[in-house]
Amino acid sequence: APSPALAEGATQISGVAVLDEADECDSGSVGADYALIMDGDLEGCLYTFVETAQSSPSGTYRETGTETFVASDGVSTFTTTYRFEAKYEDVENLSGEIFGRCQHPIVEGSGTGIYEGVSGILLFKDNVETGEFLYRGHLRY
């Protein structure tokens, strides 16, 4: 894969995440509701802490919370806030996703290790056919 390109002082990033169904990231050890395994320009675990969840009879679902990314080196981290929006065929059971997207601004000053001083945003779009979460974004140091 090519190296991330530099654009207007920001490093462009992209990759794919999947739900950590086998709990390889050991979400319970950090009190997370669940985790994603990140691959691509970000390699590691993205731990999710759900704060609010709302659904409507039309099938729309909204969720907010915080996340902690822990790089595969086990030392480098950063925190995000997030807002997830989706539409489901069966919103009560969160099944039959029609579309989903999420915004994850990085909390300034939260970076450690190679992410010390980082700011930026991650944008996710769900691939409802494969169950993968495609991400792109930019990091500034």
N, C-alpha and C. Protein backbone atom coordinates (compact mmCIF):
# COMPACT_ATOMS: atom_id res chain seq x y z
N ALA A 1 0.84 -1.18 0.00
CA ALA A 1 0.00 0.00 0.00
C ALA A 1 0.88 1.24 0.00
N PRO A 2 0.47 2.26 -0.73
CA PRO A 2 1.26 3.48 -0.76
C PRO A 2 1.23 4.20 0.59
N SER A 3 2.27 4.99 0.83
CA SER A 3 2.32 5.78 2.06
C SER A 3 1.24 6.85 2.02
N PRO A 4 0.73 7.27 3.19
CA PRO A 4 -0.27 8.33 3.20
C PRO A 4 0.31 9.60 2.58
N ALA A 5 -0.49 10.29 1.81
CA ALA A 5 -0.06 11.53 1.15
C ALA A 5 -0.21 12.70 2.10
N LEU A 6 0.62 13.70 1.91
CA LEU A 6 0.53 14.90 2.72
C LEU A 6 -0.35 15.90 1.98
N ALA A 7 -1.37 16.43 2.66
CA ALA A 7 -2.28 17.39 2.03
C ALA A 7 -2.55 18.53 3.01
N GLU A 8 -2.15 19.73 2.64
CA GLU A 8 -2.37 20.92 3.46
C GLU A 8 -1.90 20.72 4.90
N GLY A 9 -0.75 20.11 5.08
CA GLY A 9 -0.19 19.93 6.41
C GLY A 9 -0.76 18.75 7.17
N ALA A 10 -1.68 18.01 6.57
CA ALA A 10 -2.29 16.86 7.23
C ALA A 10 -1.90 15.59 6.50
N THR A 11 -1.71 14.52 7.24
CA THR A 11 -1.44 13.22 6.66
C THR A 11 -2.77 12.52 6.40
N GLN A 12 -3.04 12.22 5.13
CA GLN A 12 -4.27 11.51 4.78
C GLN A 12 -4.11 10.04 5.14
N ILE A 13 -5.14 9.47 5.76
CA ILE A 13 -5.10 8.06 6.15
C ILE A 13 -6.34 7.34 5.64
N SER A 14 -6.23 6.02 5.53
CA SER A 14 -7.38 5.21 5.15
C SER A 14 -7.12 3.77 5.55
N GLY A 15 -8.20 3.00 5.58
CA GLY A 15 -8.08 1.59 5.90
C GLY A 15 -9.44 0.96 6.11
N VAL A 16 -9.41 -0.22 6.73
CA VAL A 16 -10.62 -1.00 6.96
C VAL A 16 -10.62 -1.46 8.41
N ALA A 17 -11.79 -1.43 9.03
CA ALA A 17 -11.96 -1.96 10.38
C ALA A 17 -13.04 -3.03 10.36
N VAL A 18 -12.95 -3.97 11.28
CA VAL A 18 -13.98 -5.00 11.44
C VAL A 18 -14.30 -5.12 12.92
N LEU A 19 -15.53 -5.53 13.21
CA LEU A 19 -15.94 -5.75 14.59
C LEU A 19 -15.11 -6.88 15.18
N ASP A 20 -14.62 -6.69 16.38
CA ASP A 20 -13.79 -7.69 17.06
C ASP A 20 -14.69 -8.74 17.70
N GLU A 21 -15.28 -9.59 16.86
CA GLU A 21 -16.23 -10.60 17.34
C GLU A 21 -15.57 -11.64 18.24
N ALA A 22 -14.29 -11.96 18.00
CA ALA A 22 -13.57 -12.95 18.81
C ALA A 22 -12.97 -12.33 20.07
N ASP A 23 -13.17 -11.02 20.26
CA ASP A 23 -12.65 -10.26 21.40
C ASP A 23 -11.13 -10.39 21.55
N GLU A 24 -10.43 -10.32 20.42
CA GLU A 24 -8.97 -10.33 20.43
C GLU A 24 -8.41 -9.12 21.17
N CYS A 25 -9.15 -8.01 21.14
CA CYS A 25 -8.70 -6.78 21.81
C CYS A 25 -9.00 -6.79 23.31
N ASP A 26 -9.75 -7.79 23.79
CA ASP A 26 -10.10 -7.92 25.20
C ASP A 26 -10.78 -6.64 25.72
N SER A 27 -11.92 -6.32 25.11
CA SER A 27 -12.67 -5.10 25.43
C SER A 27 -13.00 -4.97 26.91
N GLY A 28 -13.34 -6.09 27.55
CA GLY A 28 -13.70 -6.05 28.95
C GLY A 28 -12.60 -5.55 29.86
N SER A 29 -11.35 -5.78 29.47
CA SER A 29 -10.22 -5.37 30.31
C SER A 29 -10.13 -3.85 30.45
N VAL A 30 -10.73 -3.11 29.50
CA VAL A 30 -10.70 -1.64 29.58
C VAL A 30 -12.11 -1.08 29.78
N GLY A 31 -13.11 -1.96 29.97
CA GLY A 31 -14.47 -1.52 30.20
C GLY A 31 -15.20 -1.03 28.97
N ALA A 32 -14.71 -1.40 27.78
CA ALA A 32 -15.34 -0.95 26.54
C ALA A 32 -16.58 -1.78 26.23
N ASP A 33 -17.52 -1.17 25.52
CA ASP A 33 -18.72 -1.89 25.09
C ASP A 33 -18.39 -2.87 23.97
N TYR A 34 -17.46 -2.49 23.10
CA TYR A 34 -16.97 -3.36 22.03
C TYR A 34 -15.73 -2.72 21.44
N ALA A 35 -15.09 -3.44 20.51
CA ALA A 35 -13.88 -2.91 19.87
C ALA A 35 -13.92 -3.24 18.38
N LEU A 36 -13.19 -2.44 17.63
CA LEU A 36 -12.96 -2.70 16.21
C LEU A 36 -11.48 -3.01 16.03
N ILE A 37 -11.18 -3.94 15.13
CA ILE A 37 -9.80 -4.21 14.77
C ILE A 37 -9.50 -3.35 13.55
N MET A 38 -8.51 -2.48 13.68
CA MET A 38 -8.16 -1.53 12.63
C MET A 38 -7.01 -2.07 11.80
N ASP A 39 -7.13 -1.90 10.48
CA ASP A 39 -6.10 -2.32 9.55
C ASP A 39 -5.91 -1.19 8.53
N GLY A 40 -4.73 -1.06 8.00
CA GLY A 40 -4.45 0.01 7.04
C GLY A 40 -3.44 0.97 7.65
N ASP A 41 -3.70 2.27 7.51
CA ASP A 41 -2.78 3.26 8.06
C ASP A 41 -2.81 3.30 9.58
N LEU A 42 -3.89 2.86 10.19
CA LEU A 42 -3.98 2.69 11.64
C LEU A 42 -4.09 1.20 11.93
N GLU A 43 -3.14 0.66 12.67
CA GLU A 43 -3.12 -0.77 13.02
C GLU A 43 -3.28 -0.90 14.52
N GLY A 44 -4.35 -1.59 14.94
CA GLY A 44 -4.56 -1.78 16.37
C GLY A 44 -6.02 -1.97 16.70
N CYS A 45 -6.39 -1.60 17.94
CA CYS A 45 -7.75 -1.78 18.44
C CYS A 45 -8.38 -0.42 18.73
N LEU A 46 -9.62 -0.25 18.32
CA LEU A 46 -10.40 0.95 18.61
C LEU A 46 -11.50 0.56 19.59
N TYR A 47 -11.32 0.93 20.86
CA TYR A 47 -12.26 0.58 21.92
C TYR A 47 -13.38 1.62 21.98
N THR A 48 -14.63 1.15 22.02
CA THR A 48 -15.79 2.04 21.98
C THR A 48 -16.54 2.02 23.30
N PHE A 49 -16.85 3.23 23.78
CA PHE A 49 -17.59 3.42 25.03
C PHE A 49 -18.86 4.20 24.68
N VAL A 50 -19.99 3.50 24.62
CA VAL A 50 -21.26 4.10 24.22
C VAL A 50 -21.81 4.96 25.36
N GLU A 51 -22.18 6.20 25.04
CA GLU A 51 -22.78 7.10 26.03
C GLU A 51 -24.28 7.29 25.80
N THR A 52 -24.71 7.44 24.54
CA THR A 52 -26.13 7.59 24.23
C THR A 52 -26.50 6.74 23.03
N ALA A 53 -27.72 6.26 23.01
CA ALA A 53 -28.25 5.50 21.86
C ALA A 53 -29.73 5.82 21.74
N GLN A 54 -30.14 6.23 20.55
CA GLN A 54 -31.54 6.56 20.30
C GLN A 54 -31.97 5.96 18.97
N SER A 55 -33.20 5.48 18.92
CA SER A 55 -33.74 4.99 17.66
C SER A 55 -35.13 5.57 17.45
N SER A 56 -35.60 5.50 16.21
CA SER A 56 -36.93 6.00 15.90
C SER A 56 -37.70 4.92 15.13
N PRO A 57 -39.04 5.01 15.13
CA PRO A 57 -39.84 4.01 14.42
C PRO A 57 -39.51 3.90 12.92
N SER A 58 -38.94 4.96 12.34
CA SER A 58 -38.59 4.92 10.91
C SER A 58 -37.37 4.05 10.63
N GLY A 59 -36.68 3.57 11.68
CA GLY A 59 -35.51 2.72 11.50
C GLY A 59 -34.18 3.43 11.65
N THR A 60 -34.21 4.73 11.95
CA THR A 60 -32.95 5.44 12.14
C THR A 60 -32.42 5.19 13.55
N TYR A 61 -31.11 5.19 13.65
CA TYR A 61 -30.41 4.93 14.91
C TYR A 61 -29.27 5.92 15.03
N ARG A 62 -29.12 6.50 16.22
CA ARG A 62 -28.05 7.45 16.51
C ARG A 62 -27.36 7.03 17.80
N GLU A 63 -26.04 7.11 17.77
CA GLU A 63 -25.26 6.72 18.94
C GLU A 63 -24.10 7.70 19.09
N THR A 64 -23.77 8.05 20.34
CA THR A 64 -22.61 8.89 20.60
C THR A 64 -21.79 8.27 21.74
N GLY A 65 -20.54 8.69 21.82
CA GLY A 65 -19.68 8.21 22.88
C GLY A 65 -18.25 8.62 22.67
N THR A 66 -17.35 7.87 23.28
CA THR A 66 -15.92 8.12 23.14
C THR A 66 -15.24 6.81 22.73
N GLU A 67 -14.03 6.95 22.23
CA GLU A 67 -13.25 5.79 21.83
C GLU A 67 -11.79 6.01 22.19
N THR A 68 -11.09 4.92 22.37
CA THR A 68 -9.65 4.96 22.56
C THR A 68 -9.02 4.05 21.54
N PHE A 69 -8.13 4.61 20.72
CA PHE A 69 -7.37 3.80 19.77
C PHE A 69 -6.06 3.42 20.43
N VAL A 70 -5.73 2.13 20.42
CA VAL A 70 -4.46 1.63 20.93
C VAL A 70 -3.75 0.96 19.76
N ALA A 71 -2.62 1.54 19.36
CA ALA A 71 -1.87 1.02 18.22
C ALA A 71 -1.31 -0.36 18.55
N SER A 72 -0.95 -1.09 17.52
CA SER A 72 -0.42 -2.44 17.70
C SER A 72 0.88 -2.46 18.49
N ASP A 73 1.54 -1.29 18.65
CA ASP A 73 2.75 -1.26 19.49
C ASP A 73 2.41 -1.30 20.98
N GLY A 74 1.10 -1.18 21.33
CA GLY A 74 0.65 -1.26 22.72
C GLY A 74 0.92 -0.02 23.54
N VAL A 75 1.55 0.99 22.96
CA VAL A 75 1.95 2.19 23.70
C VAL A 75 1.30 3.45 23.13
N SER A 76 1.19 3.54 21.83
CA SER A 76 0.69 4.74 21.16
C SER A 76 -0.84 4.73 21.13
N THR A 77 -1.44 5.84 21.60
CA THR A 77 -2.89 5.92 21.71
C THR A 77 -3.40 7.31 21.35
N PHE A 78 -4.68 7.41 21.09
CA PHE A 78 -5.39 8.68 21.07
C PHE A 78 -6.86 8.39 21.36
N THR A 79 -7.59 9.45 21.73
CA THR A 79 -9.00 9.35 22.08
C THR A 79 -9.83 10.14 21.08
N THR A 80 -11.02 9.65 20.79
CA THR A 80 -11.95 10.38 19.94
C THR A 80 -13.29 10.50 20.65
N THR A 81 -14.09 11.45 20.19
CA THR A 81 -15.52 11.41 20.45
C THR A 81 -16.12 10.90 19.15
N TYR A 82 -17.35 10.38 19.20
CA TYR A 82 -17.93 9.90 17.94
C TYR A 82 -19.43 10.12 17.92
N ARG A 83 -19.94 10.18 16.69
CA ARG A 83 -21.38 10.24 16.43
C ARG A 83 -21.66 9.28 15.28
N PHE A 84 -22.46 8.25 15.56
CA PHE A 84 -22.82 7.23 14.58
C PHE A 84 -24.28 7.42 14.18
N GLU A 85 -24.55 7.33 12.89
CA GLU A 85 -25.91 7.40 12.36
C GLU A 85 -26.11 6.25 11.39
N ALA A 86 -27.26 5.58 11.49
CA ALA A 86 -27.54 4.45 10.60
C ALA A 86 -29.04 4.29 10.40
N LYS A 87 -29.38 3.48 9.43
CA LYS A 87 -30.77 3.09 9.21
C LYS A 87 -30.80 1.58 9.11
N TYR A 88 -31.77 0.97 9.80
CA TYR A 88 -31.90 -0.48 9.87
C TYR A 88 -33.30 -0.92 9.43
N GLU A 89 -33.37 -2.12 8.87
CA GLU A 89 -34.67 -2.72 8.59
C GLU A 89 -35.37 -3.05 9.90
N ASP A 90 -34.61 -3.54 10.89
CA ASP A 90 -35.15 -3.88 12.21
C ASP A 90 -34.31 -3.14 13.25
N VAL A 91 -34.73 -1.90 13.53
CA VAL A 91 -33.94 -1.04 14.42
C VAL A 91 -33.96 -1.54 15.87
N GLU A 92 -35.02 -2.26 16.26
CA GLU A 92 -35.10 -2.78 17.64
C GLU A 92 -33.98 -3.77 17.93
N ASN A 93 -33.59 -4.56 16.92
CA ASN A 93 -32.54 -5.56 17.09
C ASN A 93 -31.25 -5.18 16.37
N LEU A 94 -31.19 -3.97 15.82
CA LEU A 94 -30.05 -3.48 15.05
C LEU A 94 -29.60 -4.51 14.02
N SER A 95 -30.57 -4.97 13.22
CA SER A 95 -30.25 -5.93 12.15
C SER A 95 -30.79 -5.41 10.83
N GLY A 96 -30.19 -5.88 9.76
CA GLY A 96 -30.58 -5.45 8.42
C GLY A 96 -30.17 -4.01 8.16
N GLU A 97 -28.90 -3.70 8.43
CA GLU A 97 -28.42 -2.33 8.23
C GLU A 97 -28.54 -1.95 6.75
N ILE A 98 -29.12 -0.78 6.52
CA ILE A 98 -29.28 -0.25 5.17
C ILE A 98 -28.10 0.66 4.83
N PHE A 99 -27.72 1.51 5.78
CA PHE A 99 -26.51 2.32 5.65
C PHE A 99 -26.07 2.76 7.03
N GLY A 100 -24.79 3.13 7.15
CA GLY A 100 -24.26 3.64 8.41
C GLY A 100 -23.02 4.46 8.15
N ARG A 101 -22.86 5.50 8.96
CA ARG A 101 -21.67 6.35 8.86
C ARG A 101 -21.38 6.93 10.23
N CYS A 102 -20.11 7.36 10.40
CA CYS A 102 -19.68 7.80 11.72
C CYS A 102 -18.58 8.84 11.59
N GLN A 103 -18.61 9.84 12.46
CA GLN A 103 -17.57 10.87 12.53
C GLN A 103 -16.85 10.73 13.86
N HIS A 104 -15.52 10.81 13.82
CA HIS A 104 -14.69 10.60 15.02
C HIS A 104 -13.63 11.70 15.12
N PRO A 105 -13.95 12.88 15.64
CA PRO A 105 -12.89 13.87 15.85
C PRO A 105 -11.95 13.44 16.98
N ILE A 106 -10.66 13.62 16.76
CA ILE A 106 -9.66 13.27 17.77
C ILE A 106 -9.64 14.36 18.85
N VAL A 107 -9.65 13.93 20.11
CA VAL A 107 -9.60 14.86 21.23
C VAL A 107 -8.20 15.43 21.33
N GLU A 108 -8.10 16.75 21.23
CA GLU A 108 -6.78 17.40 21.30
C GLU A 108 -6.09 17.11 22.62
N GLY A 109 -4.79 16.82 22.53
CA GLY A 109 -4.00 16.55 23.72
C GLY A 109 -4.10 15.13 24.24
N SER A 110 -4.87 14.26 23.54
CA SER A 110 -5.07 12.90 24.04
C SER A 110 -4.02 11.90 23.54
N GLY A 111 -3.21 12.30 22.57
CA GLY A 111 -2.26 11.36 21.96
C GLY A 111 -1.08 11.03 22.83
N THR A 112 -0.64 9.76 22.72
CA THR A 112 0.58 9.31 23.41
C THR A 112 1.44 8.57 22.39
N GLY A 113 2.70 8.36 22.74
CA GLY A 113 3.61 7.63 21.85
C GLY A 113 3.74 8.34 20.51
N ILE A 114 3.61 7.59 19.41
CA ILE A 114 3.76 8.20 18.08
C ILE A 114 2.61 9.15 17.75
N TYR A 115 1.55 9.14 18.55
CA TYR A 115 0.40 10.04 18.32
C TYR A 115 0.41 11.26 19.25
N GLU A 116 1.50 11.47 19.96
CA GLU A 116 1.57 12.64 20.85
C GLU A 116 1.42 13.92 20.01
N GLY A 117 0.50 14.79 20.42
CA GLY A 117 0.27 16.05 19.73
C GLY A 117 -0.63 15.94 18.52
N VAL A 118 -1.22 14.77 18.26
CA VAL A 118 -2.05 14.59 17.06
C VAL A 118 -3.41 15.25 17.22
N SER A 119 -3.94 15.73 16.09
CA SER A 119 -5.32 16.18 16.00
C SER A 119 -5.83 15.71 14.64
N GLY A 120 -7.11 15.84 14.42
CA GLY A 120 -7.67 15.42 13.14
C GLY A 120 -9.01 14.75 13.30
N ILE A 121 -9.40 13.99 12.29
CA ILE A 121 -10.70 13.33 12.29
C ILE A 121 -10.64 12.04 11.49
N LEU A 122 -11.42 11.06 11.93
CA LEU A 122 -11.62 9.82 11.19
C LEU A 122 -13.08 9.79 10.76
N LEU A 123 -13.33 9.38 9.52
CA LEU A 123 -14.68 9.26 8.99
C LEU A 123 -14.88 7.81 8.55
N PHE A 124 -15.92 7.18 9.07
CA PHE A 124 -16.20 5.79 8.74
C PHE A 124 -17.47 5.70 7.90
N LYS A 125 -17.47 4.74 6.99
CA LYS A 125 -18.67 4.41 6.22
C LYS A 125 -18.80 2.89 6.23
N ASP A 126 -19.97 2.40 6.65
CA ASP A 126 -20.19 0.97 6.75
C ASP A 126 -20.42 0.36 5.37
N ASN A 127 -19.76 -0.76 5.11
CA ASN A 127 -20.05 -1.56 3.92
C ASN A 127 -21.02 -2.64 4.39
N VAL A 128 -22.31 -2.44 4.13
CA VAL A 128 -23.33 -3.34 4.66
C VAL A 128 -23.28 -4.72 4.00
N GLU A 129 -22.64 -4.84 2.84
CA GLU A 129 -22.51 -6.13 2.16
C GLU A 129 -21.46 -7.01 2.84
N THR A 130 -20.32 -6.41 3.22
CA THR A 130 -19.21 -7.20 3.77
C THR A 130 -19.12 -7.15 5.30
N GLY A 131 -19.79 -6.16 5.92
CA GLY A 131 -19.67 -5.98 7.36
C GLY A 131 -18.41 -5.25 7.77
N GLU A 132 -17.68 -4.70 6.79
CA GLU A 132 -16.47 -3.94 7.08
C GLU A 132 -16.81 -2.46 7.25
N PHE A 133 -15.94 -1.77 7.95
CA PHE A 133 -16.09 -0.33 8.16
C PHE A 133 -14.90 0.36 7.48
N LEU A 134 -15.16 1.04 6.38
CA LEU A 134 -14.10 1.72 5.64
C LEU A 134 -13.87 3.07 6.29
N TYR A 135 -12.60 3.38 6.58
CA TYR A 135 -12.31 4.68 7.19
C TYR A 135 -11.32 5.45 6.34
N ARG A 136 -11.43 6.77 6.50
CA ARG A 136 -10.50 7.70 5.90
C ARG A 136 -10.44 8.89 6.84
N GLY A 137 -9.46 9.73 6.64
CA GLY A 137 -9.37 10.91 7.50
C GLY A 137 -8.03 11.58 7.34
N HIS A 138 -7.72 12.41 8.33
CA HIS A 138 -6.43 13.09 8.31
C HIS A 138 -5.94 13.28 9.74
N LEU A 139 -4.62 13.25 9.86
CA LEU A 139 -3.95 13.47 11.14
C LEU A 139 -3.02 14.66 10.98
N ARG A 140 -3.00 15.51 11.98
CA ARG A 140 -2.07 16.65 12.01
C ARG A 140 -1.23 16.54 13.29
N TYR A 141 0.06 16.86 13.16
CA TYR A 141 0.96 16.82 14.31
C TYR A 141 1.50 18.19 14.60
